[in-house]
């Protein structure tokens, strides 16, 4: 998939319900280390308010995209109604969506279904 930012994984994170790790359903083992909740994406949606040039500016400013990449993503939003603009952990995508909202763009997060 092109047109999004792949975020590096953050190591050493533990989700804990016991203070030591997360108990598995059996209640007999602990899961140690990073808990992977799967990849997520930040999606920008078309709206009747923002100018196309403004959307390009926001994508370049927030994500560091080149002008051609930001322009292509903006056209995808305009023509298809949406575009994936970044990809990473849920926490990172929530942060990206909040930043997009602060700039006045409509955005949501979506879980990326992995092919089995």
N, C-alpha and C. Protein backbone atom coordinates (compact mmCIF):
# COMPACT_ATOMS: atom_id res chain seq x y z
N UNK A 1 0.85 -1.17 0.00
CA UNK A 1 0.00 0.00 0.00
C UNK A 1 0.89 1.23 0.00
N UNK A 2 0.60 2.20 -0.84
CA UNK A 2 1.40 3.41 -0.90
C UNK A 2 0.59 4.58 -0.38
N UNK A 3 1.31 5.66 -0.04
CA UNK A 3 0.63 6.89 0.34
C UNK A 3 0.37 7.04 1.82
N UNK A 4 1.02 6.24 2.64
CA UNK A 4 0.84 6.40 4.07
C UNK A 4 2.18 6.31 4.76
N UNK A 5 2.23 6.74 5.97
CA UNK A 5 3.44 6.69 6.76
C UNK A 5 3.42 5.43 7.61
N UNK A 6 4.44 4.60 7.49
CA UNK A 6 4.55 3.43 8.35
C UNK A 6 5.29 3.84 9.61
N UNK A 7 4.67 3.67 10.75
CA UNK A 7 5.27 4.04 12.02
C UNK A 7 6.11 2.88 12.55
N UNK A 8 7.29 3.17 13.12
CA UNK A 8 8.07 2.10 13.73
C UNK A 8 7.37 1.58 14.98
N UNK A 9 7.53 0.30 15.24
CA UNK A 9 6.91 -0.29 16.43
C UNK A 9 7.61 0.22 17.67
N UNK A 10 6.84 0.40 18.72
CA UNK A 10 7.40 0.81 20.00
C UNK A 10 7.58 -0.44 20.86
N UNK A 11 8.80 -0.70 21.26
CA UNK A 11 9.08 -1.90 22.04
C UNK A 11 8.92 -1.68 23.53
N UNK A 12 8.86 -2.78 24.25
CA UNK A 12 8.86 -2.73 25.69
C UNK A 12 7.56 -2.30 26.34
N UNK A 13 6.48 -2.25 25.59
CA UNK A 13 5.20 -1.82 26.15
C UNK A 13 4.46 -3.04 26.67
N UNK A 14 3.90 -2.94 27.87
CA UNK A 14 3.12 -4.04 28.44
C UNK A 14 1.73 -3.57 28.79
N UNK A 15 0.74 -4.33 28.41
CA UNK A 15 -0.63 -4.09 28.86
C UNK A 15 -0.88 -5.07 29.98
N UNK A 16 -1.31 -4.57 31.11
CA UNK A 16 -1.39 -5.44 32.28
C UNK A 16 -2.72 -5.31 32.99
N UNK A 17 -3.29 -6.45 33.33
CA UNK A 17 -4.45 -6.45 34.22
C UNK A 17 -4.06 -6.97 35.59
N UNK A 18 -2.83 -7.50 35.70
CA UNK A 18 -2.37 -8.07 36.97
C UNK A 18 -1.20 -7.29 37.55
N UNK A 19 -0.67 -6.34 36.81
CA UNK A 19 0.52 -5.62 37.23
C UNK A 19 1.78 -6.29 36.73
N UNK A 20 1.69 -7.52 36.22
CA UNK A 20 2.86 -8.26 35.76
C UNK A 20 2.75 -8.64 34.29
N UNK A 21 1.62 -8.56 33.73
CA UNK A 21 1.39 -8.99 32.36
C UNK A 21 -0.09 -9.19 32.16
N UNK A 22 -0.49 -9.66 31.03
CA UNK A 22 -1.91 -9.89 30.76
C UNK A 22 -2.17 -11.38 30.87
N UNK A 23 -3.16 -11.75 31.65
CA UNK A 23 -3.50 -13.16 31.80
C UNK A 23 -4.23 -13.65 30.55
N UNK A 24 -3.85 -14.83 30.14
CA UNK A 24 -4.53 -15.47 29.03
C UNK A 24 -5.87 -16.00 29.52
N UNK A 25 -6.73 -16.38 28.59
CA UNK A 25 -8.06 -16.86 28.96
C UNK A 25 -8.02 -18.04 29.92
N UNK A 26 -6.97 -18.84 29.85
CA UNK A 26 -6.88 -20.00 30.73
C UNK A 26 -6.60 -19.59 32.16
N UNK A 27 -6.06 -18.38 32.35
CA UNK A 27 -5.74 -17.90 33.68
C UNK A 27 -4.50 -18.55 34.26
N UNK A 28 -3.77 -19.33 33.45
CA UNK A 28 -2.60 -20.05 33.96
C UNK A 28 -1.28 -19.50 33.46
N UNK A 29 -1.30 -18.65 32.47
CA UNK A 29 -0.05 -18.15 31.90
C UNK A 29 -0.10 -16.64 31.79
N UNK A 30 1.07 -16.04 31.76
CA UNK A 30 1.18 -14.60 31.57
C UNK A 30 1.78 -14.33 30.20
N UNK A 31 1.28 -13.32 29.54
CA UNK A 31 1.82 -12.89 28.27
C UNK A 31 2.75 -11.73 28.57
N UNK A 32 4.02 -11.89 28.31
CA UNK A 32 5.00 -10.84 28.59
C UNK A 32 5.39 -10.13 27.30
N UNK A 33 5.86 -8.90 27.44
CA UNK A 33 6.37 -8.14 26.30
C UNK A 33 5.27 -7.37 25.61
N UNK A 34 5.57 -6.89 24.39
CA UNK A 34 4.61 -6.05 23.67
C UNK A 34 3.34 -6.81 23.31
N UNK A 35 2.22 -6.15 23.45
CA UNK A 35 0.94 -6.71 23.03
C UNK A 35 0.59 -6.03 21.71
N UNK A 36 0.45 -6.81 20.65
CA UNK A 36 0.16 -6.27 19.33
C UNK A 36 -1.35 -6.22 19.13
N UNK A 37 -1.88 -5.05 18.88
CA UNK A 37 -3.32 -4.94 18.64
C UNK A 37 -3.61 -4.81 17.16
N UNK A 38 -2.64 -5.14 16.34
CA UNK A 38 -2.83 -5.08 14.91
C UNK A 38 -2.61 -3.69 14.36
N UNK A 39 -2.42 -3.59 13.06
CA UNK A 39 -2.20 -2.27 12.46
C UNK A 39 -3.50 -1.48 12.34
N UNK A 40 -3.36 -0.17 12.44
CA UNK A 40 -4.48 0.77 12.31
C UNK A 40 -4.09 1.82 11.28
N UNK A 41 -5.09 2.49 10.74
CA UNK A 41 -4.81 3.57 9.78
C UNK A 41 -5.62 4.80 10.13
N UNK A 42 -5.08 5.95 9.73
CA UNK A 42 -5.80 7.21 9.84
C UNK A 42 -6.35 7.53 8.45
N UNK A 43 -7.64 7.79 8.39
CA UNK A 43 -8.33 8.03 7.11
C UNK A 43 -8.86 9.45 7.10
N UNK A 44 -8.55 10.18 6.03
CA UNK A 44 -9.11 11.53 5.83
C UNK A 44 -10.29 11.39 4.89
N UNK A 45 -11.39 12.08 5.23
CA UNK A 45 -12.63 12.02 4.47
C UNK A 45 -12.89 13.32 3.74
N UNK A 46 -13.55 13.21 2.60
CA UNK A 46 -13.91 14.40 1.82
C UNK A 46 -14.91 15.25 2.60
N UNK A 47 -14.80 16.55 2.43
CA UNK A 47 -15.78 17.46 3.02
C UNK A 47 -15.98 18.64 2.08
N UNK A 48 -17.09 19.35 2.21
CA UNK A 48 -17.37 20.47 1.31
C UNK A 48 -16.74 21.78 1.77
N UNK A 49 -15.92 21.75 2.81
CA UNK A 49 -15.43 22.98 3.42
C UNK A 49 -14.00 23.33 3.02
N UNK A 50 -13.09 22.37 3.13
CA UNK A 50 -11.67 22.66 2.95
C UNK A 50 -11.26 22.69 1.48
N UNK A 51 -10.46 23.67 1.14
CA UNK A 51 -9.92 23.77 -0.21
C UNK A 51 -8.90 22.66 -0.45
N UNK A 52 -8.80 22.23 -1.69
CA UNK A 52 -7.85 21.17 -2.02
C UNK A 52 -6.42 21.58 -1.68
N UNK A 53 -6.08 22.82 -1.95
CA UNK A 53 -4.72 23.30 -1.64
C UNK A 53 -4.45 23.26 -0.14
N UNK A 54 -5.49 23.51 0.66
CA UNK A 54 -5.34 23.46 2.11
C UNK A 54 -5.09 22.03 2.58
N UNK A 55 -5.80 21.06 2.01
CA UNK A 55 -5.60 19.65 2.37
C UNK A 55 -4.17 19.24 2.05
N UNK A 56 -3.66 19.63 0.89
CA UNK A 56 -2.27 19.34 0.52
C UNK A 56 -1.33 19.95 1.56
N UNK A 57 -1.57 21.19 1.93
CA UNK A 57 -0.73 21.87 2.92
C UNK A 57 -0.73 21.12 4.25
N UNK A 58 -1.89 20.70 4.72
CA UNK A 58 -1.99 19.98 6.00
C UNK A 58 -1.23 18.66 5.92
N UNK A 59 -1.40 17.90 4.86
CA UNK A 59 -0.72 16.61 4.73
C UNK A 59 0.79 16.79 4.68
N UNK A 60 1.26 17.82 4.01
CA UNK A 60 2.70 18.09 3.96
C UNK A 60 3.22 18.51 5.33
N UNK A 61 2.45 19.34 6.02
CA UNK A 61 2.88 19.85 7.33
C UNK A 61 2.88 18.76 8.39
N UNK A 62 1.81 18.00 8.49
CA UNK A 62 1.69 17.00 9.56
C UNK A 62 2.51 15.74 9.32
N UNK A 63 2.60 15.30 8.06
CA UNK A 63 3.23 14.02 7.79
C UNK A 63 4.53 14.12 6.99
N UNK A 64 4.88 15.32 6.56
CA UNK A 64 6.13 15.50 5.83
C UNK A 64 6.11 14.93 4.42
N UNK A 65 4.92 14.77 3.85
CA UNK A 65 4.83 14.24 2.49
C UNK A 65 5.38 15.25 1.49
N UNK A 66 5.92 14.72 0.39
CA UNK A 66 6.32 15.58 -0.72
C UNK A 66 5.05 16.18 -1.33
N UNK A 67 5.22 17.24 -2.10
CA UNK A 67 4.05 17.85 -2.74
C UNK A 67 3.31 16.85 -3.64
N UNK A 68 4.03 16.08 -4.50
CA UNK A 68 3.30 15.12 -5.35
C UNK A 68 2.52 14.07 -4.55
N UNK A 69 3.09 13.56 -3.46
CA UNK A 69 2.39 12.56 -2.65
C UNK A 69 1.17 13.16 -1.98
N UNK A 70 1.33 14.33 -1.37
CA UNK A 70 0.21 15.01 -0.71
C UNK A 70 -0.88 15.33 -1.72
N UNK A 71 -0.50 15.76 -2.91
CA UNK A 71 -1.47 16.09 -3.96
C UNK A 71 -2.23 14.84 -4.40
N UNK A 72 -1.52 13.72 -4.56
CA UNK A 72 -2.17 12.47 -4.95
C UNK A 72 -3.17 12.02 -3.88
N UNK A 73 -2.79 12.12 -2.60
CA UNK A 73 -3.70 11.75 -1.51
C UNK A 73 -4.92 12.67 -1.48
N UNK A 74 -4.69 13.96 -1.69
CA UNK A 74 -5.81 14.91 -1.73
C UNK A 74 -6.77 14.56 -2.86
N UNK A 75 -6.24 14.22 -4.04
CA UNK A 75 -7.11 13.83 -5.16
C UNK A 75 -7.88 12.56 -4.84
N UNK A 76 -7.25 11.63 -4.13
CA UNK A 76 -7.96 10.41 -3.73
C UNK A 76 -9.12 10.76 -2.80
N UNK A 77 -8.88 11.65 -1.86
CA UNK A 77 -9.95 12.11 -0.96
C UNK A 77 -11.07 12.74 -1.78
N UNK A 78 -10.70 13.61 -2.71
CA UNK A 78 -11.67 14.35 -3.51
C UNK A 78 -12.49 13.42 -4.42
N UNK A 79 -11.81 12.47 -5.07
CA UNK A 79 -12.47 11.62 -6.06
C UNK A 79 -13.12 10.37 -5.47
N UNK A 80 -12.49 9.78 -4.45
CA UNK A 80 -13.01 8.53 -3.87
C UNK A 80 -13.71 8.75 -2.53
N UNK A 81 -13.58 9.96 -2.00
CA UNK A 81 -14.24 10.27 -0.74
C UNK A 81 -13.41 10.03 0.50
N UNK A 82 -12.23 9.39 0.34
CA UNK A 82 -11.39 9.07 1.49
C UNK A 82 -10.00 8.67 1.02
N UNK A 83 -9.04 8.77 1.94
CA UNK A 83 -7.68 8.29 1.68
C UNK A 83 -7.02 7.94 3.00
N UNK A 84 -6.27 6.85 3.00
CA UNK A 84 -5.45 6.49 4.15
C UNK A 84 -4.20 7.34 4.12
N UNK A 85 -3.94 8.07 5.20
CA UNK A 85 -2.80 8.99 5.21
C UNK A 85 -1.68 8.57 6.15
N UNK A 86 -1.96 7.67 7.09
CA UNK A 86 -0.90 7.13 7.94
C UNK A 86 -1.32 5.79 8.49
N UNK A 87 -0.34 5.06 9.00
CA UNK A 87 -0.58 3.71 9.47
C UNK A 87 0.34 3.43 10.64
N UNK A 88 -0.18 2.76 11.67
CA UNK A 88 0.64 2.44 12.83
C UNK A 88 -0.22 1.85 13.94
N UNK A 89 0.21 2.04 15.18
CA UNK A 89 -0.55 1.53 16.32
C UNK A 89 -1.81 2.35 16.51
N UNK A 90 -2.74 1.82 17.26
CA UNK A 90 -3.99 2.55 17.52
C UNK A 90 -3.70 3.88 18.20
N UNK A 91 -2.82 3.87 19.19
CA UNK A 91 -2.48 5.09 19.91
C UNK A 91 -1.91 6.16 18.97
N UNK A 92 -1.03 5.75 18.08
CA UNK A 92 -0.45 6.69 17.12
C UNK A 92 -1.51 7.24 16.17
N UNK A 93 -2.42 6.37 15.72
CA UNK A 93 -3.46 6.83 14.80
C UNK A 93 -4.46 7.75 15.49
N UNK A 94 -4.76 7.49 16.76
CA UNK A 94 -5.62 8.41 17.51
C UNK A 94 -4.97 9.78 17.59
N UNK A 95 -3.66 9.81 17.80
CA UNK A 95 -2.93 11.08 17.85
C UNK A 95 -2.97 11.77 16.49
N UNK A 96 -2.74 11.01 15.41
CA UNK A 96 -2.78 11.60 14.06
C UNK A 96 -4.16 12.17 13.76
N UNK A 97 -5.21 11.44 14.12
CA UNK A 97 -6.58 11.92 13.87
C UNK A 97 -6.86 13.19 14.67
N UNK A 98 -6.40 13.25 15.90
CA UNK A 98 -6.58 14.48 16.69
C UNK A 98 -5.87 15.65 16.04
N UNK A 99 -4.67 15.41 15.52
CA UNK A 99 -3.94 16.50 14.84
C UNK A 99 -4.67 16.93 13.58
N UNK A 100 -5.20 15.98 12.82
CA UNK A 100 -5.97 16.32 11.61
C UNK A 100 -7.22 17.11 11.98
N UNK A 101 -7.90 16.72 13.05
CA UNK A 101 -9.08 17.47 13.51
C UNK A 101 -8.69 18.89 13.90
N UNK A 102 -7.54 19.05 14.55
CA UNK A 102 -7.09 20.38 14.96
C UNK A 102 -6.89 21.29 13.75
N UNK A 103 -6.58 20.71 12.60
CA UNK A 103 -6.41 21.48 11.37
C UNK A 103 -7.73 21.57 10.58
N UNK A 104 -8.81 21.03 11.13
CA UNK A 104 -10.12 21.17 10.51
C UNK A 104 -10.49 20.11 9.49
N UNK A 105 -9.73 19.01 9.42
CA UNK A 105 -10.06 17.95 8.48
C UNK A 105 -10.89 16.87 9.17
N UNK A 106 -11.77 16.24 8.40
CA UNK A 106 -12.54 15.10 8.91
C UNK A 106 -11.65 13.87 8.79
N UNK A 107 -11.47 13.15 9.89
CA UNK A 107 -10.61 11.97 9.88
C UNK A 107 -11.08 10.98 10.94
N UNK A 108 -10.84 9.71 10.65
CA UNK A 108 -11.17 8.63 11.58
C UNK A 108 -10.04 7.62 11.57
N UNK A 109 -10.08 6.70 12.55
CA UNK A 109 -9.13 5.58 12.51
C UNK A 109 -9.89 4.33 12.11
N UNK A 110 -9.17 3.42 11.47
CA UNK A 110 -9.74 2.13 11.06
C UNK A 110 -8.72 1.04 11.33
N UNK A 111 -9.21 -0.08 11.78
CA UNK A 111 -8.34 -1.25 11.94
C UNK A 111 -8.07 -1.81 10.55
N UNK A 112 -6.84 -2.17 10.30
CA UNK A 112 -6.46 -2.77 9.01
C UNK A 112 -6.57 -4.28 9.15
N UNK A 113 -7.41 -4.87 8.34
CA UNK A 113 -7.57 -6.32 8.37
C UNK A 113 -6.39 -6.94 7.64
N UNK A 114 -5.67 -7.80 8.34
CA UNK A 114 -4.53 -8.48 7.74
C UNK A 114 -5.00 -9.70 6.98
N UNK A 115 -4.36 -9.94 5.83
CA UNK A 115 -4.69 -11.13 5.03
C UNK A 115 -4.11 -12.35 5.72
N UNK A 116 -4.91 -13.39 5.82
CA UNK A 116 -4.45 -14.61 6.48
C UNK A 116 -3.78 -15.53 5.50
